[in-house]
Amino acid sequence: MTPREIEQMVFELEEVRIVIRASVNAELGDYEYSRKAAGSASITEWLQQRIYPIIEGYDVVVTDGTGAIPHGRTKMETLRSSYGG
């Protein structure tokens, strides 16, 4: 999958925005989850379990609903609610 495809899949499933800093043509792993991560999981835990294994060492940034970069200890539920949805 390309970075853009992963970013879109993550947004649709997890309801959070990520930006993968990689070439638009980079071929990365697949985001093969069908259920969103638990709201009690921290952003760091989520990144370590679901994102880092498929992005092959590229950098990734998570943004909240205001465009700010939240602290890694922020819970996924809190992050999702920042988007106003």
PDB file of N, CA and C in Angstrom:
ATOM      1  N   MET A   1       0.832  -1.182   0.000  1.00  0.00           N
ATOM      2  CA  MET A   1       0.000   0.000   0.000  1.00  0.00           C
ATOM      3  C   MET A   1       0.879   1.249   0.000  1.00  0.00           C
ATOM      4  N   THR A   2       0.396   2.305  -0.575  1.00  0.00           N
ATOM      5  CA  THR A   2       1.116   3.568  -0.562  1.00  0.00           C
ATOM      6  C   THR A   2       0.835   4.291   0.756  1.00  0.00           C
ATOM      7  N   PRO A   3       1.679   5.256   1.120  1.00  0.00           N
ATOM      8  CA  PRO A   3       1.417   6.016   2.342  1.00  0.00           C
ATOM      9  C   PRO A   3       0.020   6.643   2.354  1.00  0.00           C
ATOM     10  N   ARG A   4      -0.391   7.189   1.232  1.00  0.00           N
ATOM     11  CA  ARG A   4      -1.712   7.838   1.161  1.00  0.00           C
ATOM     12  C   ARG A   4      -2.829   6.828   1.409  1.00  0.00           C
ATOM     13  N   GLU A   5      -2.701   5.633   0.866  1.00  0.00           N
ATOM     14  CA  GLU A   5      -3.723   4.598   1.076  1.00  0.00           C
ATOM     15  C   GLU A   5      -3.808   4.206   2.548  1.00  0.00           C
ATOM     16  N   ILE A   6      -2.655   4.072   3.197  1.00  0.00           N
ATOM     17  CA  ILE A   6      -2.653   3.734   4.619  1.00  0.00           C
ATOM     18  C   ILE A   6      -3.269   4.874   5.430  1.00  0.00           C
ATOM     19  N   GLU A   7      -2.881   6.107   5.123  1.00  0.00           N
ATOM     20  CA  GLU A   7      -3.437   7.258   5.840  1.00  0.00           C
ATOM     21  C   GLU A   7      -4.957   7.286   5.728  1.00  0.00           C
ATOM     22  N   GLN A   8      -5.478   7.022   4.546  1.00  0.00           N
ATOM     23  CA  GLN A   8      -6.924   7.028   4.323  1.00  0.00           C
ATOM     24  C   GLN A   8      -7.609   5.880   5.075  1.00  0.00           C
ATOM     25  N   MET A   9      -7.025   4.689   5.016  1.00  0.00           N
ATOM     26  CA  MET A   9      -7.610   3.549   5.725  1.00  0.00           C
ATOM     27  C   MET A   9      -7.624   3.793   7.228  1.00  0.00           C
ATOM     28  N   VAL A  10      -6.547   4.348   7.757  1.00  0.00           N
ATOM     29  CA  VAL A  10      -6.476   4.648   9.184  1.00  0.00           C
ATOM     30  C   VAL A  10      -7.556   5.662   9.547  1.00  0.00           C
ATOM     31  N   PHE A  11      -7.721   6.691   8.732  1.00  0.00           N
ATOM     32  CA  PHE A  11      -8.733   7.701   9.035  1.00  0.00           C
ATOM     33  C   PHE A  11     -10.136   7.097   9.020  1.00  0.00           C
ATOM     34  N   GLU A  12     -10.419   6.263   8.048  1.00  0.00           N
ATOM     35  CA  GLU A  12     -11.744   5.659   7.942  1.00  0.00           C
ATOM     36  C   GLU A  12     -12.038   4.696   9.091  1.00  0.00           C
ATOM     37  N   LEU A  13     -11.062   3.897   9.489  1.00  0.00           N
ATOM     38  CA  LEU A  13     -11.282   2.913  10.546  1.00  0.00           C
ATOM     39  C   LEU A  13     -11.077   3.494  11.940  1.00  0.00           C
ATOM     40  N   GLU A  14      -9.953   4.131  12.153  1.00  0.00           N
ATOM     41  CA  GLU A  14      -9.566   4.588  13.490  1.00  0.00           C
ATOM     42  C   GLU A  14     -10.129   5.958  13.839  1.00  0.00           C
ATOM     43  N   GLU A  15     -10.567   6.707  12.834  1.00  0.00           N
ATOM     44  CA  GLU A  15     -11.117   8.045  13.009  1.00  0.00           C
ATOM     45  C   GLU A  15     -10.080   9.027  13.543  1.00  0.00           C
ATOM     46  N   VAL A  16      -8.823   8.829  13.131  1.00  0.00           N
ATOM     47  CA  VAL A  16      -7.738   9.751  13.468  1.00  0.00           C
ATOM     48  C   VAL A  16      -6.881   9.975  12.225  1.00  0.00           C
ATOM     49  N   ARG A  17      -6.231  11.113  12.188  1.00  0.00           N
ATOM     50  CA  ARG A  17      -5.414  11.485  11.039  1.00  0.00           C
ATOM     51  C   ARG A  17      -3.945  11.233  11.338  1.00  0.00           C
ATOM     52  N   ILE A  18      -3.285  10.541  10.411  1.00  0.00           N
ATOM     53  CA  ILE A  18      -1.835  10.382  10.486  1.00  0.00           C
ATOM     54  C   ILE A  18      -1.232  10.882   9.180  1.00  0.00           C
ATOM     55  N   VAL A  19       0.026  11.261   9.256  1.00  0.00           N
ATOM     56  CA  VAL A  19       0.782  11.644   8.069  1.00  0.00           C
ATOM     57  C   VAL A  19       2.062  10.821   8.084  1.00  0.00           C
ATOM     58  N   ILE A  20       2.237  10.014   7.042  1.00  0.00           N
ATOM     59  CA  ILE A  20       3.441   9.192   6.919  1.00  0.00           C
ATOM     60  C   ILE A  20       4.423   9.956   6.049  1.00  0.00           C
ATOM     61  N   ARG A  21       5.609  10.180   6.560  1.00  0.00           N
ATOM     62  CA  ARG A  21       6.625  10.933   5.823  1.00  0.00           C
ATOM     63  C   ARG A  21       7.449   9.966   4.982  1.00  0.00           C
ATOM     64  N   ALA A  22       6.938   9.713   3.785  1.00  0.00           N
ATOM     65  CA  ALA A  22       7.576   8.789   2.849  1.00  0.00           C
ATOM     66  C   ALA A  22       7.235   9.250   1.444  1.00  0.00           C
ATOM     67  N   SER A  23       7.979   8.780   0.474  1.00  0.00           N
ATOM     68  CA  SER A  23       7.697   9.073  -0.927  1.00  0.00           C
ATOM     69  C   SER A  23       6.277   8.625  -1.259  1.00  0.00           C
ATOM     70  N   VAL A  24       5.585   9.384  -2.087  1.00  0.00           N
ATOM     71  CA  VAL A  24       4.204   9.027  -2.445  1.00  0.00           C
ATOM     72  C   VAL A  24       4.126   7.671  -3.119  1.00  0.00           C
ATOM     73  N   ASN A  25       5.216   7.222  -3.725  1.00  0.00           N
ATOM     74  CA  ASN A  25       5.231   5.933  -4.419  1.00  0.00           C
ATOM     75  C   ASN A  25       5.773   4.789  -3.571  1.00  0.00           C
ATOM     76  N   ALA A  26       6.132   5.064  -2.319  1.00  0.00           N
ATOM     77  CA  ALA A  26       6.674   4.015  -1.451  1.00  0.00           C
ATOM     78  C   ALA A  26       5.642   2.903  -1.280  1.00  0.00           C
ATOM     79  N   GLU A  27       6.101   1.684  -1.287  1.00  0.00           N
ATOM     80  CA  GLU A  27       5.223   0.535  -1.054  1.00  0.00           C
ATOM     81  C   GLU A  27       5.444   0.053   0.369  1.00  0.00           C
ATOM     82  N   LEU A  28       4.425   0.202   1.176  1.00  0.00           N
ATOM     83  CA  LEU A  28       4.492  -0.173   2.582  1.00  0.00           C
ATOM     84  C   LEU A  28       3.618  -1.396   2.827  1.00  0.00           C
ATOM     85  N   GLY A  29       3.543  -1.830   4.079  1.00  0.00           N
ATOM     86  CA  GLY A  29       2.696  -2.973   4.421  1.00  0.00           C
ATOM     87  C   GLY A  29       1.216  -2.640   4.316  1.00  0.00           C
ATOM     88  N   ASP A  30       0.389  -3.610   4.640  1.00  0.00           N
ATOM     89  CA  ASP A  30      -1.064  -3.430   4.587  1.00  0.00           C
ATOM     90  C   ASP A  30      -1.614  -3.147   5.978  1.00  0.00           C
ATOM     91  N   TYR A  31      -2.602  -2.270   6.041  1.00  0.00           N
ATOM     92  CA  TYR A  31      -3.315  -2.019   7.294  1.00  0.00           C
ATOM     93  C   TYR A  31      -4.508  -2.959   7.291  1.00  0.00           C
ATOM     94  N   GLU A  32      -4.346  -4.113   7.917  1.00  0.00           N
ATOM     95  CA  GLU A  32      -5.305  -5.208   7.789  1.00  0.00           C
ATOM     96  C   GLU A  32      -6.241  -5.350   8.979  1.00  0.00           C
ATOM     97  N   TYR A  33      -6.592  -4.265   9.616  1.00  0.00           N
ATOM     98  CA  TYR A  33      -7.468  -4.338  10.777  1.00  0.00           C
ATOM     99  C   TYR A  33      -8.908  -4.062  10.356  1.00  0.00           C
ATOM    100  N   SER A  34      -9.851  -4.721  11.024  1.00  0.00           N
ATOM    101  CA  SER A  34     -11.261  -4.503  10.717  1.00  0.00           C
ATOM    102  C   SER A  34     -11.986  -3.824  11.877  1.00  0.00           C
ATOM    103  N   ARG A  35     -11.323  -3.760  13.040  1.00  0.00           N
ATOM    104  CA  ARG A  35     -11.899  -3.086  14.197  1.00  0.00           C
ATOM    105  C   ARG A  35     -10.931  -2.030  14.682  1.00  0.00           C
ATOM    106  N   LYS A  36     -11.485  -0.889  15.094  1.00  0.00           N
ATOM    107  CA  LYS A  36     -10.592   0.165  15.572  1.00  0.00           C
ATOM    108  C   LYS A  36      -9.993  -0.197  16.914  1.00  0.00           C
ATOM    109  N   ALA A  37      -8.875   0.410  17.201  1.00  0.00           N
ATOM    110  CA  ALA A  37      -8.157   0.158  18.443  1.00  0.00           C
ATOM    111  C   ALA A  37      -9.000   0.604  19.635  1.00  0.00           C
ATOM    112  N   ALA A  38      -8.776  -0.020  20.772  1.00  0.00           N
ATOM    113  CA  ALA A  38      -9.501   0.320  21.995  1.00  0.00           C
ATOM    114  C   ALA A  38      -9.282   1.781  22.354  1.00  0.00           C
ATOM    115  N   GLY A  39     -10.330   2.421  22.819  1.00  0.00           N
ATOM    116  CA  GLY A  39     -10.234   3.818  23.220  1.00  0.00           C
ATOM    117  C   GLY A  39      -9.288   4.038  24.378  1.00  0.00           C
ATOM    118  N   SER A  40      -9.050   3.001  25.167  1.00  0.00           N
ATOM    119  CA  SER A  40      -8.159   3.115  26.330  1.00  0.00           C
ATOM    120  C   SER A  40      -6.684   2.982  25.968  1.00  0.00           C
ATOM    121  N   ALA A  41      -6.394   2.610  24.724  1.00  0.00           N
ATOM    122  CA  ALA A  41      -4.999   2.486  24.280  1.00  0.00           C
ATOM    123  C   ALA A  41      -4.406   3.886  24.102  1.00  0.00           C
ATOM    124  N   SER A  42      -3.135   4.024  24.458  1.00  0.00           N
ATOM    125  CA  SER A  42      -2.470   5.309  24.232  1.00  0.00           C
ATOM    126  C   SER A  42      -2.048   5.394  22.761  1.00  0.00           C
ATOM    127  N   ILE A  43      -1.793   6.603  22.315  1.00  0.00           N
ATOM    128  CA  ILE A  43      -1.322   6.790  20.946  1.00  0.00           C
ATOM    129  C   ILE A  43      -0.031   6.012  20.730  1.00  0.00           C
ATOM    130  N   THR A  44       0.885   6.058  21.697  1.00  0.00           N
ATOM    131  CA  THR A  44       2.152   5.340  21.573  1.00  0.00           C
ATOM    132  C   THR A  44       1.929   3.843  21.426  1.00  0.00           C
ATOM    133  N   GLU A  45       1.063   3.274  22.254  1.00  0.00           N
ATOM    134  CA  GLU A  45       0.767   1.836  22.161  1.00  0.00           C
ATOM    135  C   GLU A  45       0.206   1.497  20.788  1.00  0.00           C
ATOM    136  N   TRP A  46      -0.731   2.302  20.319  1.00  0.00           N
ATOM    137  CA  TRP A  46      -1.360   2.085  19.012  1.00  0.00           C
ATOM    138  C   TRP A  46      -0.332   2.151  17.887  1.00  0.00           C
ATOM    139  N   LEU A  47       0.533   3.154  17.938  1.00  0.00           N
ATOM    140  CA  LEU A  47       1.574   3.275  16.913  1.00  0.00           C
ATOM    141  C   LEU A  47       2.490   2.056  16.925  1.00  0.00           C
ATOM    142  N   GLN A  48       2.911   1.643  18.110  1.00  0.00           N
ATOM    143  CA  GLN A  48       3.824   0.508  18.217  1.00  0.00           C
ATOM    144  C   GLN A  48       3.195  -0.792  17.738  1.00  0.00           C
ATOM    145  N   GLN A  49       1.928  -0.983  18.010  1.00  0.00           N
ATOM    146  CA  GLN A  49       1.263  -2.236  17.667  1.00  0.00           C
ATOM    147  C   GLN A  49       0.764  -2.281  16.228  1.00  0.00           C
ATOM    148  N   ARG A  50       0.296  -1.157  15.703  1.00  0.00           N
ATOM    149  CA  ARG A  50      -0.380  -1.194  14.410  1.00  0.00           C
ATOM    150  C   ARG A  50       0.313  -0.441  13.271  1.00  0.00           C
ATOM    151  N   ILE A  51       0.976   0.641  13.587  1.00  0.00           N
ATOM    152  CA  ILE A  51       1.515   1.495  12.522  1.00  0.00           C
ATOM    153  C   ILE A  51       2.987   1.221  12.235  1.00  0.00           C
ATOM    154  N   TYR A  52       3.836   1.270  13.248  1.00  0.00           N
ATOM    155  CA  TYR A  52       5.269   1.074  13.018  1.00  0.00           C
ATOM    156  C   TYR A  52       5.601  -0.217  12.266  1.00  0.00           C
ATOM    157  N   PRO A  53       4.934  -1.328  12.570  1.00  0.00           N
ATOM    158  CA  PRO A  53       5.288  -2.564  11.853  1.00  0.00           C
ATOM    159  C   PRO A  53       5.055  -2.516  10.335  1.00  0.00           C
ATOM    160  N   ILE A  54       4.198  -1.610   9.869  1.00  0.00           N
ATOM    161  CA  ILE A  54       3.913  -1.589   8.425  1.00  0.00           C
ATOM    162  C   ILE A  54       4.556  -0.425   7.674  1.00  0.00           C
ATOM    163  N   ILE A  55       5.154   0.539   8.389  1.00  0.00           N
ATOM    164  CA  ILE A  55       5.697   1.701   7.675  1.00  0.00           C
ATOM    165  C   ILE A  55       7.195   1.629   7.438  1.00  0.00           C
ATOM    166  N   GLU A  56       7.805   0.529   7.822  1.00  0.00           N
ATOM    167  CA  GLU A  56       9.191   0.237   7.442  1.00  0.00           C
ATOM    168  C   GLU A  56      10.199   1.325   7.789  1.00  0.00           C
ATOM    169  N   GLY A  57      10.110   1.873   8.990  1.00  0.00           N
ATOM    170  CA  GLY A  57      11.096   2.838   9.442  1.00  0.00           C
ATOM    171  C   GLY A  57      10.851   4.282   9.039  1.00  0.00           C
ATOM    172  N   TYR A  58       9.823   4.542   8.264  1.00  0.00           N
ATOM    173  CA  TYR A  58       9.491   5.930   7.933  1.00  0.00           C
ATOM    174  C   TYR A  58       8.908   6.629   9.158  1.00  0.00           C
ATOM    175  N   ASP A  59       8.970   7.950   9.162  1.00  0.00           N
ATOM    176  CA  ASP A  59       8.388   8.733  10.246  1.00  0.00           C
ATOM    177  C   ASP A  59       6.881   8.853  10.034  1.00  0.00           C
ATOM    178  N   VAL A  60       6.172   8.980  11.145  1.00  0.00           N
ATOM    179  CA  VAL A  60       4.730   9.188  11.095  1.00  0.00           C
ATOM    180  C   VAL A  60       4.362  10.217  12.155  1.00  0.00           C
ATOM    181  N   VAL A  61       3.389  11.050  11.832  1.00  0.00           N
ATOM    182  CA  VAL A  61       2.898  12.063  12.755  1.00  0.00           C
ATOM    183  C   VAL A  61       1.400  11.847  12.927  1.00  0.00           C
ATOM    184  N   VAL A  62       0.946  11.907  14.174  1.00  0.00           N
ATOM    185  CA  VAL A  62      -0.473  11.833  14.492  1.00  0.00           C
ATOM    186  C   VAL A  62      -0.914  13.247  14.818  1.00  0.00           C
ATOM    187  N   THR A  63      -2.050  13.669  14.264  1.00  0.00           N
ATOM    188  CA  THR A  63      -2.570  15.000  14.577  1.00  0.00           C
ATOM    189  C   THR A  63      -3.961  14.881  15.176  1.00  0.00           C
ATOM    190  N   ASP A  64      -4.278  15.825  16.065  1.00  0.00           N
ATOM    191  CA  ASP A  64      -5.623  15.835  16.637  1.00  0.00           C
ATOM    192  C   ASP A  64      -6.530  16.703  15.767  1.00  0.00           C
ATOM    193  N   GLY A  65      -7.739  16.925  16.215  1.00  0.00           N
ATOM    194  CA  GLY A  65      -8.721  17.658  15.427  1.00  0.00           C
ATOM    195  C   GLY A  65      -8.377  19.108  15.169  1.00  0.00           C
ATOM    196  N   THR A  66      -7.442  19.667  15.949  1.00  0.00           N
ATOM    197  CA  THR A  66      -7.027  21.053  15.744  1.00  0.00           C
ATOM    198  C   THR A  66      -5.769  21.145  14.888  1.00  0.00           C
ATOM    199  N   GLY A  67      -5.193  19.983  14.555  1.00  0.00           N
ATOM    200  CA  GLY A  67      -3.955  19.958  13.781  1.00  0.00           C
ATOM    201  C   GLY A  67      -2.716  19.873  14.645  1.00  0.00           C
ATOM    202  N   ALA A  68      -2.890  19.897  15.971  1.00  0.00           N
ATOM    203  CA  ALA A  68      -1.762  19.792  16.895  1.00  0.00           C
ATOM    204  C   ALA A  68      -1.313  18.336  17.006  1.00  0.00           C
ATOM    205  N   ILE A  69      -0.084  18.151  17.451  1.00  0.00           N
ATOM    206  CA  ILE A  69       0.456  16.815  17.668  1.00  0.00           C
ATOM    207  C   ILE A  69       0.280  16.481  19.148  1.00  0.00           C
ATOM    208  N   PRO A  70      -0.610  15.541  19.472  1.00  0.00           N
ATOM    209  CA  PRO A  70      -0.870  15.217  20.875  1.00  0.00           C
ATOM    210  C   PRO A  70       0.252  14.397  21.498  1.00  0.00           C
ATOM    211  N   HIS A  71       0.304  14.412  22.817  1.00  0.00           N
ATOM    212  CA  HIS A  71       1.290  13.643  23.570  1.00  0.00           C
ATOM    213  C   HIS A  71       1.024  12.160  23.366  1.00  0.00           C
ATOM    214  N   GLY A  72       2.060  11.355  23.361  1.00  0.00           N
ATOM    215  CA  GLY A  72       1.943   9.916  23.141  1.00  0.00           C
ATOM    216  C   GLY A  72       1.111   9.185  24.175  1.00  0.00           C
ATOM    217  N   ARG A  73       0.976   9.759  25.368  1.00  0.00           N
ATOM    218  CA  ARG A  73       0.165   9.119  26.410  1.00  0.00           C
ATOM    219  C   ARG A  73      -1.321   9.412  26.252  1.00  0.00           C
ATOM    220  N   THR A  74      -1.673  10.272  25.312  1.00  0.00           N
ATOM    221  CA  THR A  74      -3.082  10.582  25.062  1.00  0.00           C
ATOM    222  C   THR A  74      -3.817   9.313  24.652  1.00  0.00           C
ATOM    223  N   LYS A  75      -4.969   9.105  25.224  1.00  0.00           N
ATOM    224  CA  LYS A  75      -5.770   7.924  24.907  1.00  0.00           C
ATOM    225  C   LYS A  75      -6.445   8.103  23.541  1.00  0.00           C
ATOM    226  N   MET A  76      -6.623   7.003  22.850  1.00  0.00           N
ATOM    227  CA  MET A  76      -7.252   7.041  21.525  1.00  0.00           C
ATOM    228  C   MET A  76      -8.652   7.641  21.585  1.00  0.00           C
ATOM    229  N   GLU A  77      -9.390   7.361  22.645  1.00  0.00           N
ATOM    230  CA  GLU A  77     -10.736   7.919  22.804  1.00  0.00           C
ATOM    231  C   GLU A  77     -10.694   9.444  22.841  1.00  0.00           C
ATOM    232  N   THR A  78      -9.736   9.987  23.588  1.00  0.00           N
ATOM    233  CA  THR A  78      -9.567  11.439  23.673  1.00  0.00           C
ATOM    234  C   THR A  78      -9.177  12.019  22.333  1.00  0.00           C
ATOM    235  N   LEU A  79      -8.265  11.342  21.641  1.00  0.00           N
ATOM    236  CA  LEU A  79      -7.841  11.792  20.321  1.00  0.00           C
ATOM    237  C   LEU A  79      -9.029  11.814  19.356  1.00  0.00           C
ATOM    238  N   ARG A  80      -9.786  10.734  19.325  1.00  0.00           N
ATOM    239  CA  ARG A  80     -10.946  10.672  18.423  1.00  0.00           C
ATOM    240  C   ARG A  80     -11.947  11.785  18.714  1.00  0.00           C
ATOM    241  N   SER A  81     -12.184  12.052  19.984  1.00  0.00           N
ATOM    242  CA  SER A  81     -13.179  13.078  20.342  1.00  0.00           C
ATOM    243  C   SER A  81     -12.709  14.485  19.944  1.00  0.00           C
ATOM    244  N   SER A  82     -11.408  14.681  19.745  1.00  0.00           N
ATOM    245  CA  SER A  82     -10.904  16.000  19.360  1.00  0.00           C
ATOM    246  C   SER A  82     -11.327  16.401  17.948  1.00  0.00           C
ATOM    247  N   TYR A  83     -11.777  15.431  17.163  1.00  0.00           N
ATOM    248  CA  TYR A  83     -12.226  15.717  15.798  1.00  0.00           C
ATOM    249  C   TYR A  83     -13.673  16.199  15.759  1.00  0.00           C
ATOM    250  N   GLY A  84     -14.321  16.228  16.900  1.00  0.00           N
ATOM    251  CA  GLY A  84     -15.690  16.744  16.965  1.00  0.00           C
ATOM    252  C   GLY A  84     -16.743  15.732  16.534  1.00  0.00           C
ATOM    253  N   GLY A  85     -16.356  14.460  16.409  1.00  0.00           N
ATOM    254  CA  GLY A  85     -17.304  13.467  15.939  1.00  0.00           C
ATOM    255  C   GLY A  85     -17.716  12.511  16.919  1.00  0.00           C
TER     256      GLY A  85
END
